[in-house]
């Protein structure tokens, strides 16, 4: 049985990619994921937001070690970046580069770096270039500019996606993927347009912090940290709709908790499938269990390769393409009486 797949020009031994998370934040974990059949790993993201939050704590003790703050030339340009801020960013980038280098030395599968693009910054280009030099096989830009930003128009925020994609793909030679959200006015056309920027992959979709309320303490607390199997529906629909309508590969993410979900995303047209929550719950060995399930299903259907069935249920190949655009439950509830919701 051949489970190999090609993703963004990289040859993967299996279609399951360990997505960016705490499970890919150490060399030991990366090794375990590779040993258990992961086709590739996307390392835990380097968060500019996280670096900014660390700045307040760092500055309390920095004067002792680094002296008074100063301004200086950075990347050939006069930039108003305080020395402390620069040192903190450089130290975080150095640690991340070391993770890339050590992971590459420890495994033979592709290792992708990840930058969380929550704020727009020209420093991402520097990050991207340095991560390529460190040996990353690819780069994933986890991009999301929140719709709660009332200071900028939809057009301005959407333009940032194209600006960043074009700048980064011009700055590096390794393949670049965009991991995006479904929060666009015209999601289908947006995905299609992004695929023409020079990127090699689009990951559908990223997952966000969900707030909840503690009724006893009257505080905001995190909730729904992990995805659930029902979360598969959104990405499954859009992978199926966009398959063969884009100029790059599609990877599916969110809600993939078992072999059946992996198979469904491949049937929809995904080139690869990212997992994270199920690894937190079941450990790296669960990848092997999922792959065994995929192989068993393929054997029963007499499929020898993934390409034998990839995209078989995509919208383009569907006998009823309109089913992917239906928004109401008319067919399901239409013939039922006394339905209680």
C-alpha atoms as a PDB file:
ATOM      1  CA  UNK A   1       0.000   0.000   0.000  1.00  0.00           C
ATOM      2  CA  UNK A   2       1.435   3.359  -1.035  1.00  0.00           C
ATOM      3  CA  UNK A   3       0.572   6.231   1.320  1.00  0.00           C
ATOM      4  CA  UNK A   4       3.079   8.693  -0.073  1.00  0.00           C
ATOM      5  CA  UNK A   5       1.957  12.100  -1.231  1.00  0.00           C
ATOM      6  CA  UNK A   6       3.482  15.257  -2.639  1.00  0.00           C
ATOM      7  CA  UNK A   7       2.861  18.491  -0.762  1.00  0.00           C
ATOM      8  CA  UNK A   8       4.247  21.828  -1.950  1.00  0.00           C
ATOM      9  CA  UNK A   9       6.990  20.044  -3.839  1.00  0.00           C
ATOM     10  CA  UNK A  10       8.001  17.944  -0.826  1.00  0.00           C
ATOM     11  CA  UNK A  11       7.676  14.179  -0.909  1.00  0.00           C
ATOM     12  CA  UNK A  12       5.881  12.900   2.184  1.00  0.00           C
ATOM     13  CA  UNK A  13       5.830   9.269   3.291  1.00  0.00           C
ATOM     14  CA  UNK A  14       2.274   9.718   4.526  1.00  0.00           C
ATOM     15  CA  UNK A  15      -0.495  12.326   4.137  1.00  0.00           C
ATOM     16  CA  UNK A  16      -0.637  13.097   7.872  1.00  0.00           C
ATOM     17  CA  UNK A  17       1.241  16.225   8.938  1.00  0.00           C
ATOM     18  CA  UNK A  18       1.710  17.047  12.610  1.00  0.00           C
ATOM     19  CA  UNK A  19       0.338  20.584  12.699  1.00  0.00           C
ATOM     20  CA  UNK A  20       1.909  23.474  14.549  1.00  0.00           C
ATOM     21  CA  UNK A  21       1.227  23.069  18.267  1.00  0.00           C
ATOM     22  CA  UNK A  22       2.887  22.308  21.569  1.00  0.00           C
ATOM     23  CA  UNK A  23       3.278  18.748  20.272  1.00  0.00           C
ATOM     24  CA  UNK A  24       5.832  20.015  17.738  1.00  0.00           C
ATOM     25  CA  UNK A  25       7.677  22.336  20.093  1.00  0.00           C
ATOM     26  CA  UNK A  26      10.609  20.095  21.012  1.00  0.00           C
ATOM     27  CA  UNK A  27      13.069  17.858  19.210  1.00  0.00           C
ATOM     28  CA  UNK A  28      12.038  14.811  21.244  1.00  0.00           C
ATOM     29  CA  UNK A  29       8.410  15.241  20.217  1.00  0.00           C
ATOM     30  CA  UNK A  30       9.342  15.772  16.584  1.00  0.00           C
ATOM     31  CA  UNK A  31      11.315  12.514  16.647  1.00  0.00           C
ATOM     32  CA  UNK A  32       8.373  10.592  18.127  1.00  0.00           C
ATOM     33  CA  UNK A  33       6.011  12.004  15.521  1.00  0.00           C
ATOM     34  CA  UNK A  34       8.361  10.993  12.708  1.00  0.00           C
ATOM     35  CA  UNK A  35       8.868   7.521  14.170  1.00  0.00           C
ATOM     36  CA  UNK A  36       5.121   6.977  14.229  1.00  0.00           C
ATOM     37  CA  UNK A  37       4.508   7.837  10.600  1.00  0.00           C
ATOM     38  CA  UNK A  38       4.054  11.596  10.316  1.00  0.00           C
ATOM     39  CA  UNK A  39       4.734  12.668   6.745  1.00  0.00           C
ATOM     40  CA  UNK A  40       6.009  16.065   7.906  1.00  0.00           C
ATOM     41  CA  UNK A  41       5.924  18.331  10.932  1.00  0.00           C
ATOM     42  CA  UNK A  42       5.097  22.006  11.238  1.00  0.00           C
ATOM     43  CA  UNK A  43       7.015  23.298  14.225  1.00  0.00           C
ATOM     44  CA  UNK A  44       5.299  25.246  16.977  1.00  0.00           C
ATOM     45  CA  UNK A  45       4.816  28.788  15.719  1.00  0.00           C
ATOM     46  CA  UNK A  46       7.038  31.666  16.576  1.00  0.00           C
ATOM     47  CA  UNK A  47       4.549  34.289  17.781  1.00  0.00           C
ATOM     48  CA  UNK A  48       5.363  37.945  17.385  1.00  0.00           C
ATOM     49  CA  UNK A  49       2.500  38.578  19.787  1.00  0.00           C
ATOM     50  CA  UNK A  50       4.228  36.328  22.314  1.00  0.00           C
ATOM     51  CA  UNK A  51       7.499  38.200  21.891  1.00  0.00           C
ATOM     52  CA  UNK A  52       5.702  41.489  22.481  1.00  0.00           C
ATOM     53  CA  UNK A  53       4.117  40.176  25.680  1.00  0.00           C
ATOM     54  CA  UNK A  54       7.491  39.006  26.969  1.00  0.00           C
ATOM     55  CA  UNK A  55       8.929  42.467  26.453  1.00  0.00           C
ATOM     56  CA  UNK A  56       7.376  43.913  29.615  1.00  0.00           C
ATOM     57  CA  UNK A  57       8.963  41.239  31.814  1.00  0.00           C
ATOM     58  CA  UNK A  58      12.254  41.365  29.978  1.00  0.00           C
ATOM     59  CA  UNK A  59      12.747  45.100  30.314  1.00  0.00           C
ATOM     60  CA  UNK A  60      12.611  44.930  34.127  1.00  0.00           C
ATOM     61  CA  UNK A  61      15.998  43.235  34.263  1.00  0.00           C
ATOM     62  CA  UNK A  62      17.509  44.201  30.905  1.00  0.00           C
ATOM     63  CA  UNK A  63      19.162  47.433  31.986  1.00  0.00           C
ATOM     64  CA  UNK A  64      21.473  45.532  34.312  1.00  0.00           C
ATOM     65  CA  UNK A  65      22.708  43.259  31.541  1.00  0.00           C
ATOM     66  CA  UNK A  66      22.440  45.412  28.428  1.00  0.00           C
ATOM     67  CA  UNK A  67      22.606  49.019  29.621  1.00  0.00           C
ATOM     68  CA  UNK A  68      20.382  51.921  28.619  1.00  0.00           C
ATOM     69  CA  UNK A  69      18.070  51.611  25.599  1.00  0.00           C
ATOM     70  CA  UNK A  70      19.215  53.034  22.312  1.00  0.00           C
ATOM     71  CA  UNK A  71      18.190  53.267  18.682  1.00  0.00           C
ATOM     72  CA  UNK A  72      20.262  51.881  15.847  1.00  0.00           C
ATOM     73  CA  UNK A  73      20.314  50.602  12.266  1.00  0.00           C
ATOM     74  CA  UNK A  74      18.499  47.288  11.772  1.00  0.00           C
ATOM     75  CA  UNK A  75      18.557  45.336   8.506  1.00  0.00           C
ATOM     76  CA  UNK A  76      20.169  48.295   6.752  1.00  0.00           C
ATOM     77  CA  UNK A  77      17.506  50.800   7.726  1.00  0.00           C
ATOM     78  CA  UNK A  78      17.199  53.332  10.498  1.00  0.00           C
ATOM     79  CA  UNK A  79      14.482  51.771  12.598  1.00  0.00           C
ATOM     80  CA  UNK A  80      12.934  52.993  15.874  1.00  0.00           C
ATOM     81  CA  UNK A  81      13.372  49.660  17.619  1.00  0.00           C
ATOM     82  CA  UNK A  82      14.685  49.885  21.156  1.00  0.00           C
ATOM     83  CA  UNK A  83      17.740  47.846  21.906  1.00  0.00           C
ATOM     84  CA  UNK A  84      15.975  45.776  24.564  1.00  0.00           C
ATOM     85  CA  UNK A  85      13.179  44.968  22.144  1.00  0.00           C
ATOM     86  CA  UNK A  86      15.709  43.977  19.521  1.00  0.00           C
ATOM     87  CA  UNK A  87      17.632  41.743  21.932  1.00  0.00           C
ATOM     88  CA  UNK A  88      14.472  39.957  23.049  1.00  0.00           C
ATOM     89  CA  UNK A  89      13.337  39.328  19.489  1.00  0.00           C
ATOM     90  CA  UNK A  90      16.769  38.110  18.466  1.00  0.00           C
ATOM     91  CA  UNK A  91      16.962  35.737  21.427  1.00  0.00           C
ATOM     92  CA  UNK A  92      13.544  34.257  20.607  1.00  0.00           C
ATOM     93  CA  UNK A  93      14.467  33.902  16.957  1.00  0.00           C
ATOM     94  CA  UNK A  94      17.761  32.268  17.958  1.00  0.00           C
ATOM     95  CA  UNK A  95      15.916  29.689  20.073  1.00  0.00           C
ATOM     96  CA  UNK A  96      13.555  28.956  17.213  1.00  0.00           C
ATOM     97  CA  UNK A  97      16.410  28.602  14.739  1.00  0.00           C
ATOM     98  CA  UNK A  98      18.019  26.106  17.108  1.00  0.00           C
ATOM     99  CA  UNK A  99      14.750  24.129  17.168  1.00  0.00           C
ATOM    100  CA  UNK A 100      14.693  24.055  13.359  1.00  0.00           C
ATOM    101  CA  UNK A 101      18.326  22.977  13.115  1.00  0.00           C
ATOM    102  CA  UNK A 102      18.055  20.300  15.810  1.00  0.00           C
ATOM    103  CA  UNK A 103      14.814  18.914  14.370  1.00  0.00           C
ATOM    104  CA  UNK A 104      16.297  18.727  10.887  1.00  0.00           C
ATOM    105  CA  UNK A 105      19.278  16.817  12.269  1.00  0.00           C
ATOM    106  CA  UNK A 106      17.031  14.393  14.163  1.00  0.00           C
ATOM    107  CA  UNK A 107      14.559  13.309  11.456  1.00  0.00           C
ATOM    108  CA  UNK A 108      14.452  12.628   7.746  1.00  0.00           C
ATOM    109  CA  UNK A 109      10.917  13.893   7.112  1.00  0.00           C
ATOM    110  CA  UNK A 110      10.292  17.492   6.018  1.00  0.00           C
ATOM    111  CA  UNK A 111      10.382  20.043   8.830  1.00  0.00           C
ATOM    112  CA  UNK A 112       8.430  23.245   8.274  1.00  0.00           C
ATOM    113  CA  UNK A 113       8.804  26.415  10.307  1.00  0.00           C
ATOM    114  CA  UNK A 114       5.767  28.469  11.280  1.00  0.00           C
ATOM    115  CA  UNK A 115       5.288  32.197  11.830  1.00  0.00           C
ATOM    116  CA  UNK A 116       2.104  33.387  13.500  1.00  0.00           C
ATOM    117  CA  UNK A 117       1.113  36.535  11.624  1.00  0.00           C
ATOM    118  CA  UNK A 118      -1.380  38.174  13.947  1.00  0.00           C
ATOM    119  CA  UNK A 119       0.169  41.622  13.582  1.00  0.00           C
ATOM    120  CA  UNK A 120       1.705  43.026  10.415  1.00  0.00           C
ATOM    121  CA  UNK A 121       5.473  43.474  10.708  1.00  0.00           C
ATOM    122  CA  UNK A 122       8.314  43.898   8.247  1.00  0.00           C
ATOM    123  CA  UNK A 123      10.371  41.703  10.592  1.00  0.00           C
ATOM    124  CA  UNK A 124       8.546  38.642   9.279  1.00  0.00           C
ATOM    125  CA  UNK A 125      10.706  38.858   6.188  1.00  0.00           C
ATOM    126  CA  UNK A 126      13.805  38.699   8.345  1.00  0.00           C
ATOM    127  CA  UNK A 127      12.317  35.764  10.257  1.00  0.00           C
ATOM    128  CA  UNK A 128      11.522  33.943   7.013  1.00  0.00           C
ATOM    129  CA  UNK A 129      15.004  34.441   5.574  1.00  0.00           C
ATOM    130  CA  UNK A 130      16.683  33.277   8.769  1.00  0.00           C
ATOM    131  CA  UNK A 131      14.474  30.205   9.063  1.00  0.00           C
ATOM    132  CA  UNK A 132      15.311  29.236   5.493  1.00  0.00           C
ATOM    133  CA  UNK A 133      19.013  29.578   6.327  1.00  0.00           C
ATOM    134  CA  UNK A 134      18.456  27.349   9.366  1.00  0.00           C
ATOM    135  CA  UNK A 135      17.370  24.558   7.013  1.00  0.00           C
ATOM    136  CA  UNK A 136      13.579  24.609   7.193  1.00  0.00           C
ATOM    137  CA  UNK A 137      12.086  22.641   4.305  1.00  0.00           C
ATOM    138  CA  UNK A 138       9.107  24.966   4.102  1.00  0.00           C
ATOM    139  CA  UNK A 139       7.423  27.862   5.823  1.00  0.00           C
ATOM    140  CA  UNK A 140       3.844  28.133   7.043  1.00  0.00           C
ATOM    141  CA  UNK A 141       2.415  31.595   7.675  1.00  0.00           C
ATOM    142  CA  UNK A 142      -0.442  31.298  10.142  1.00  0.00           C
ATOM    143  CA  UNK A 143      -2.300  34.409   9.090  1.00  0.00           C
ATOM    144  CA  UNK A 144      -5.228  36.109  10.779  1.00  0.00           C
ATOM    145  CA  UNK A 145      -6.062  39.785  11.021  1.00  0.00           C
ATOM    146  CA  UNK A 146      -9.038  39.934  13.390  1.00  0.00           C
ATOM    147  CA  UNK A 147     -12.415  41.154  12.171  1.00  0.00           C
ATOM    148  CA  UNK A 148     -12.633  43.038  15.474  1.00  0.00           C
ATOM    149  CA  UNK A 149     -10.265  45.647  14.050  1.00  0.00           C
ATOM    150  CA  UNK A 150     -12.605  48.577  13.445  1.00  0.00           C
ATOM    151  CA  UNK A 151      -9.852  50.971  12.362  1.00  0.00           C
ATOM    152  CA  UNK A 152      -9.240  49.365   8.974  1.00  0.00           C
ATOM    153  CA  UNK A 153     -11.584  48.446   6.168  1.00  0.00           C
ATOM    154  CA  UNK A 154     -12.156  44.929   4.871  1.00  0.00           C
ATOM    155  CA  UNK A 155     -10.232  45.828   1.718  1.00  0.00           C
ATOM    156  CA  UNK A 156      -7.251  47.069   3.735  1.00  0.00           C
ATOM    157  CA  UNK A 157      -7.103  43.943   5.870  1.00  0.00           C
ATOM    158  CA  UNK A 158      -7.489  41.586   2.928  1.00  0.00           C
ATOM    159  CA  UNK A 159      -4.757  43.440   1.054  1.00  0.00           C
ATOM    160  CA  UNK A 160      -2.319  42.544   3.844  1.00  0.00           C
ATOM    161  CA  UNK A 161      -2.640  38.848   3.047  1.00  0.00           C
ATOM    162  CA  UNK A 162      -1.489  39.449  -0.514  1.00  0.00           C
ATOM    163  CA  UNK A 163       1.231  41.876   0.491  1.00  0.00           C
ATOM    164  CA  UNK A 164       2.751  39.468   3.007  1.00  0.00           C
ATOM    165  CA  UNK A 165       2.427  36.435   0.718  1.00  0.00           C
ATOM    166  CA  UNK A 166       4.129  38.227  -2.156  1.00  0.00           C
ATOM    167  CA  UNK A 167       6.911  39.694  -0.010  1.00  0.00           C
ATOM    168  CA  UNK A 168       7.731  36.416   1.729  1.00  0.00           C
ATOM    169  CA  UNK A 169       7.647  34.286  -1.429  1.00  0.00           C
ATOM    170  CA  UNK A 170      10.032  36.736  -3.072  1.00  0.00           C
ATOM    171  CA  UNK A 171      12.366  36.698  -0.064  1.00  0.00           C
ATOM    172  CA  UNK A 172      12.763  32.905   0.245  1.00  0.00           C
ATOM    173  CA  UNK A 173      13.128  29.987  -2.135  1.00  0.00           C
ATOM    174  CA  UNK A 174      11.566  27.328   0.105  1.00  0.00           C
ATOM    175  CA  UNK A 175       7.842  26.619  -0.412  1.00  0.00           C
ATOM    176  CA  UNK A 176       5.448  28.838   1.540  1.00  0.00           C
ATOM    177  CA  UNK A 177       1.981  27.901   2.782  1.00  0.00           C
ATOM    178  CA  UNK A 178      -0.726  30.166   4.152  1.00  0.00           C
ATOM    179  CA  UNK A 179      -2.836  28.880   7.005  1.00  0.00           C
ATOM    180  CA  UNK A 180      -5.973  30.998   6.947  1.00  0.00           C
ATOM    181  CA  UNK A 181      -9.356  31.340   8.617  1.00  0.00           C
ATOM    182  CA  UNK A 182     -12.817  31.075   7.031  1.00  0.00           C
ATOM    183  CA  UNK A 183     -13.605  34.676   8.032  1.00  0.00           C
ATOM    184  CA  UNK A 184     -13.771  36.322   4.625  1.00  0.00           C
ATOM    185  CA  UNK A 185     -16.724  37.915   2.872  1.00  0.00           C
ATOM    186  CA  UNK A 186     -15.989  35.986  -0.352  1.00  0.00           C
ATOM    187  CA  UNK A 187     -14.089  32.974   0.937  1.00  0.00           C
ATOM    188  CA  UNK A 188     -13.947  30.948  -2.285  1.00  0.00           C
ATOM    189  CA  UNK A 189     -12.670  33.759  -4.518  1.00  0.00           C
ATOM    190  CA  UNK A 190     -10.259  34.849  -1.755  1.00  0.00           C
ATOM    191  CA  UNK A 191      -8.714  31.385  -1.542  1.00  0.00           C
ATOM    192  CA  UNK A 192      -8.434  31.249  -5.312  1.00  0.00           C
ATOM    193  CA  UNK A 193      -6.762  34.663  -5.502  1.00  0.00           C
ATOM    194  CA  UNK A 194      -4.327  33.804  -2.711  1.00  0.00           C
ATOM    195  CA  UNK A 195      -3.338  30.648  -4.555  1.00  0.00           C
ATOM    196  CA  UNK A 196      -2.055  32.776  -7.426  1.00  0.00           C
ATOM    197  CA  UNK A 197       0.430  34.791  -5.329  1.00  0.00           C
ATOM    198  CA  UNK A 198       3.299  32.317  -5.630  1.00  0.00           C
ATOM    199  CA  UNK A 199       2.541  30.321  -2.501  1.00  0.00           C
ATOM    200  CA  UNK A 200       2.640  26.541  -2.760  1.00  0.00           C
ATOM    201  CA  UNK A 201      -0.059  25.595  -0.270  1.00  0.00           C
ATOM    202  CA  UNK A 202      -3.127  26.794   1.615  1.00  0.00           C
ATOM    203  CA  UNK A 203      -4.176  25.198   4.900  1.00  0.00           C
ATOM    204  CA  UNK A 204      -7.909  25.239   5.663  1.00  0.00           C
ATOM    205  CA  UNK A 205      -8.354  26.340   8.469  1.00  0.00           C
ATOM    206  CA  UNK A 206      -6.531  27.747  11.490  1.00  0.00           C
ATOM    207  CA  UNK A 207      -8.049  27.485  14.948  1.00  0.00           C
ATOM    208  CA  UNK A 208      -8.403  30.246  17.528  1.00  0.00           C
ATOM    209  CA  UNK A 209      -8.699  30.868  21.212  1.00  0.00           C
ATOM    210  CA  UNK A 210     -12.356  30.710  22.242  1.00  0.00           C
ATOM    211  CA  UNK A 211     -13.394  32.699  25.320  1.00  0.00           C
ATOM    212  CA  UNK A 212     -15.822  31.445  27.920  1.00  0.00           C
ATOM    213  CA  UNK A 213     -17.129  32.917  31.182  1.00  0.00           C
ATOM    214  CA  UNK A 214     -16.479  31.647  34.678  1.00  0.00           C
ATOM    215  CA  UNK A 215     -19.825  32.318  36.368  1.00  0.00           C
ATOM    216  CA  UNK A 216     -18.379  31.985  39.863  1.00  0.00           C
ATOM    217  CA  UNK A 217     -15.352  34.240  39.463  1.00  0.00           C
ATOM    218  CA  UNK A 218     -16.955  36.435  36.788  1.00  0.00           C
ATOM    219  CA  UNK A 219     -13.836  36.137  34.672  1.00  0.00           C
ATOM    220  CA  UNK A 220     -13.092  35.321  31.082  1.00  0.00           C
ATOM    221  CA  UNK A 221     -11.493  31.915  30.698  1.00  0.00           C
ATOM    222  CA  UNK A 222     -10.377  29.765  27.758  1.00  0.00           C
ATOM    223  CA  UNK A 223     -12.784  27.181  26.452  1.00  0.00           C
ATOM    224  CA  UNK A 224     -12.925  24.565  23.718  1.00  0.00           C
ATOM    225  CA  UNK A 225      -9.136  24.386  23.575  1.00  0.00           C
ATOM    226  CA  UNK A 226      -9.207  21.265  21.427  1.00  0.00           C
ATOM    227  CA  UNK A 227     -11.157  20.755  18.246  1.00  0.00           C
ATOM    228  CA  UNK A 228     -13.925  18.163  18.098  1.00  0.00           C
ATOM    229  CA  UNK A 229     -14.845  15.706  15.318  1.00  0.00           C
ATOM    230  CA  UNK A 230     -17.795  17.916  14.386  1.00  0.00           C
ATOM    231  CA  UNK A 231     -15.369  20.730  13.501  1.00  0.00           C
ATOM    232  CA  UNK A 232     -14.421  18.686  10.436  1.00  0.00           C
ATOM    233  CA  UNK A 233     -17.499  19.838   8.522  1.00  0.00           C
ATOM    234  CA  UNK A 234     -16.286  23.349   7.730  1.00  0.00           C
ATOM    235  CA  UNK A 235     -12.883  22.429   6.321  1.00  0.00           C
ATOM    236  CA  UNK A 236     -14.300  19.364   4.552  1.00  0.00           C
ATOM    237  CA  UNK A 237     -16.791  21.503   2.655  1.00  0.00           C
ATOM    238  CA  UNK A 238     -14.214  24.061   1.585  1.00  0.00           C
ATOM    239  CA  UNK A 239     -11.528  21.599   0.619  1.00  0.00           C
ATOM    240  CA  UNK A 240     -14.110  19.876  -1.565  1.00  0.00           C
ATOM    241  CA  UNK A 241     -15.313  23.161  -3.069  1.00  0.00           C
ATOM    242  CA  UNK A 242     -11.826  24.502  -3.810  1.00  0.00           C
ATOM    243  CA  UNK A 243     -10.173  21.304  -5.038  1.00  0.00           C
ATOM    244  CA  UNK A 244      -9.012  21.861  -8.634  1.00  0.00           C
ATOM    245  CA  UNK A 245      -9.930  25.553  -8.429  1.00  0.00           C
ATOM    246  CA  UNK A 246      -6.610  26.723  -6.995  1.00  0.00           C
ATOM    247  CA  UNK A 247      -3.051  27.030  -8.269  1.00  0.00           C
ATOM    248  CA  UNK A 248      -1.486  25.400  -5.203  1.00  0.00           C
ATOM    249  CA  UNK A 249      -1.935  22.407  -2.940  1.00  0.00           C
ATOM    250  CA  UNK A 250      -4.631  22.276  -0.259  1.00  0.00           C
ATOM    251  CA  UNK A 251      -4.102  20.868   3.215  1.00  0.00           C
ATOM    252  CA  UNK A 252      -6.977  20.212   5.599  1.00  0.00           C
ATOM    253  CA  UNK A 253      -6.872  21.139   9.275  1.00  0.00           C
ATOM    254  CA  UNK A 254      -9.187  21.189  12.304  1.00  0.00           C
ATOM    255  CA  UNK A 255     -11.527  18.403  13.372  1.00  0.00           C
ATOM    256  CA  UNK A 256      -9.372  15.519  12.117  1.00  0.00           C
ATOM    257  CA  UNK A 257      -9.591  12.987  14.954  1.00  0.00           C
ATOM    258  CA  UNK A 258      -9.468   9.570  13.294  1.00  0.00           C
ATOM    259  CA  UNK A 259      -8.688   7.632  10.134  1.00  0.00           C
ATOM    260  CA  UNK A 260     -12.170   8.245   8.749  1.00  0.00           C
ATOM    261  CA  UNK A 261     -11.606  12.012   8.909  1.00  0.00           C
ATOM    262  CA  UNK A 262      -8.281  11.667   7.097  1.00  0.00           C
ATOM    263  CA  UNK A 263      -9.941   9.610   4.362  1.00  0.00           C
ATOM    264  CA  UNK A 264     -12.774  12.119   4.014  1.00  0.00           C
ATOM    265  CA  UNK A 265     -10.388  15.022   3.539  1.00  0.00           C
ATOM    266  CA  UNK A 266      -8.467  13.088   0.900  1.00  0.00           C
ATOM    267  CA  UNK A 267     -11.714  12.242  -0.866  1.00  0.00           C
ATOM    268  CA  UNK A 268     -12.532  15.959  -0.788  1.00  0.00           C
ATOM    269  CA  UNK A 269      -9.245  16.706  -2.551  1.00  0.00           C
ATOM    270  CA  UNK A 270      -6.718  17.506   0.172  1.00  0.00           C
ATOM    271  CA  UNK A 271      -3.105  16.809  -0.662  1.00  0.00           C
ATOM    272  CA  UNK A 272      -2.266  16.408   3.029  1.00  0.00           C
ATOM    273  CA  UNK A 273      -4.057  16.524   6.370  1.00  0.00           C
ATOM    274  CA  UNK A 274      -2.859  18.284   9.514  1.00  0.00           C
ATOM    275  CA  UNK A 275      -3.599  16.977  13.005  1.00  0.00           C
ATOM    276  CA  UNK A 276      -3.008  18.464  16.452  1.00  0.00           C
ATOM    277  CA  UNK A 277      -5.845  18.026  18.973  1.00  0.00           C
ATOM    278  CA  UNK A 278      -5.951  14.249  18.535  1.00  0.00           C
ATOM    279  CA  UNK A 279      -2.217  14.115  19.260  1.00  0.00           C
ATOM    280  CA  UNK A 280      -2.690  15.974  22.526  1.00  0.00           C
ATOM    281  CA  UNK A 281      -5.392  13.486  23.489  1.00  0.00           C
ATOM    282  CA  UNK A 282      -3.787  10.264  22.244  1.00  0.00           C
ATOM    283  CA  UNK A 283      -0.057  10.906  21.815  1.00  0.00           C
ATOM    284  CA  UNK A 284       2.249  10.532  18.785  1.00  0.00           C
ATOM    285  CA  UNK A 285       1.498   6.791  18.436  1.00  0.00           C
ATOM    286  CA  UNK A 286      -2.015   7.684  17.330  1.00  0.00           C
ATOM    287  CA  UNK A 287      -0.654   8.685  13.927  1.00  0.00           C
ATOM    288  CA  UNK A 288       0.231   5.050  13.280  1.00  0.00           C
ATOM    289  CA  UNK A 289      -3.275   3.993  14.305  1.00  0.00           C
ATOM    290  CA  UNK A 290      -4.815   6.462  11.875  1.00  0.00           C
ATOM    291  CA  UNK A 291      -2.544   5.345   9.045  1.00  0.00           C
ATOM    292  CA  UNK A 292      -3.437   1.715   9.727  1.00  0.00           C
ATOM    293  CA  UNK A 293      -7.092   2.706   9.428  1.00  0.00           C
ATOM    294  CA  UNK A 294      -6.452   4.447   6.103  1.00  0.00           C
ATOM    295  CA  UNK A 295      -4.623   1.385   4.768  1.00  0.00           C
ATOM    296  CA  UNK A 296      -7.410  -0.969   5.877  1.00  0.00           C
ATOM    297  CA  UNK A 297     -10.018   1.172   4.130  1.00  0.00           C
ATOM    298  CA  UNK A 298      -7.920   1.355   0.963  1.00  0.00           C
ATOM    299  CA  UNK A 299      -7.455  -2.421   0.984  1.00  0.00           C
ATOM    300  CA  UNK A 300     -11.196  -2.965   1.256  1.00  0.00           C
ATOM    301  CA  UNK A 301     -11.762  -0.641  -1.695  1.00  0.00           C
ATOM    302  CA  UNK A 302      -8.798  -2.029  -3.664  1.00  0.00           C
ATOM    303  CA  UNK A 303      -7.079   1.336  -3.843  1.00  0.00           C
ATOM    304  CA  UNK A 304      -3.310   1.110  -4.070  1.00  0.00           C
ATOM    305  CA  UNK A 305      -2.369   4.786  -3.936  1.00  0.00           C
ATOM    306  CA  UNK A 306      -3.886   7.957  -2.516  1.00  0.00           C
ATOM    307  CA  UNK A 307      -4.256   9.385  -6.001  1.00  0.00           C
ATOM    308  CA  UNK A 308      -6.648   6.515  -6.809  1.00  0.00           C
ATOM    309  CA  UNK A 309      -9.348   8.235  -4.729  1.00  0.00           C
ATOM    310  CA  UNK A 310      -8.117  11.749  -3.944  1.00  0.00           C
ATOM    311  CA  UNK A 311     -10.777  14.288  -4.915  1.00  0.00           C
ATOM    312  CA  UNK A 312     -13.315  11.609  -5.799  1.00  0.00           C
ATOM    313  CA  UNK A 313     -15.978  13.450  -3.780  1.00  0.00           C
ATOM    314  CA  UNK A 314     -14.878  16.999  -4.546  1.00  0.00           C
ATOM    315  CA  UNK A 315     -17.455  19.434  -5.864  1.00  0.00           C
ATOM    316  CA  UNK A 316     -15.971  19.361  -9.342  1.00  0.00           C
ATOM    317  CA  UNK A 317     -16.378  15.589  -9.580  1.00  0.00           C
ATOM    318  CA  UNK A 318     -19.641  15.348  -7.675  1.00  0.00           C
ATOM    319  CA  UNK A 319     -22.848  14.109  -9.310  1.00  0.00           C
ATOM    320  CA  UNK A 320     -24.649  16.810  -7.304  1.00  0.00           C
ATOM    321  CA  UNK A 321     -22.306  19.839  -7.072  1.00  0.00           C
ATOM    322  CA  UNK A 322     -25.035  22.001  -5.559  1.00  0.00           C
ATOM    323  CA  UNK A 323     -24.945  19.955  -2.362  1.00  0.00           C
ATOM    324  CA  UNK A 324     -21.806  21.861  -1.330  1.00  0.00           C
ATOM    325  CA  UNK A 325     -23.574  25.196  -1.676  1.00  0.00           C
ATOM    326  CA  UNK A 326     -26.770  24.281   0.132  1.00  0.00           C
ATOM    327  CA  UNK A 327     -27.051  26.215   3.380  1.00  0.00           C
ATOM    328  CA  UNK A 328     -30.378  25.035   4.796  1.00  0.00           C
ATOM    329  CA  UNK A 329     -31.615  21.741   6.252  1.00  0.00           C
ATOM    330  CA  UNK A 330     -34.592  21.530   3.899  1.00  0.00           C
ATOM    331  CA  UNK A 331     -33.817  18.052   2.598  1.00  0.00           C
ATOM    332  CA  UNK A 332     -33.044  16.631   6.032  1.00  0.00           C
ATOM    333  CA  UNK A 333     -36.040  18.036   7.890  1.00  0.00           C
ATOM    334  CA  UNK A 334     -38.417  18.490   4.952  1.00  0.00           C
ATOM    335  CA  UNK A 335     -40.003  15.051   5.240  1.00  0.00           C
ATOM    336  CA  UNK A 336     -39.998  14.866   9.032  1.00  0.00           C
ATOM    337  CA  UNK A 337     -42.959  15.788  11.172  1.00  0.00           C
ATOM    338  CA  UNK A 338     -43.025  16.869  14.796  1.00  0.00           C
ATOM    339  CA  UNK A 339     -39.329  17.612  14.842  1.00  0.00           C
ATOM    340  CA  UNK A 340     -38.240  19.087  18.155  1.00  0.00           C
ATOM    341  CA  UNK A 341     -35.198  21.337  18.047  1.00  0.00           C
END
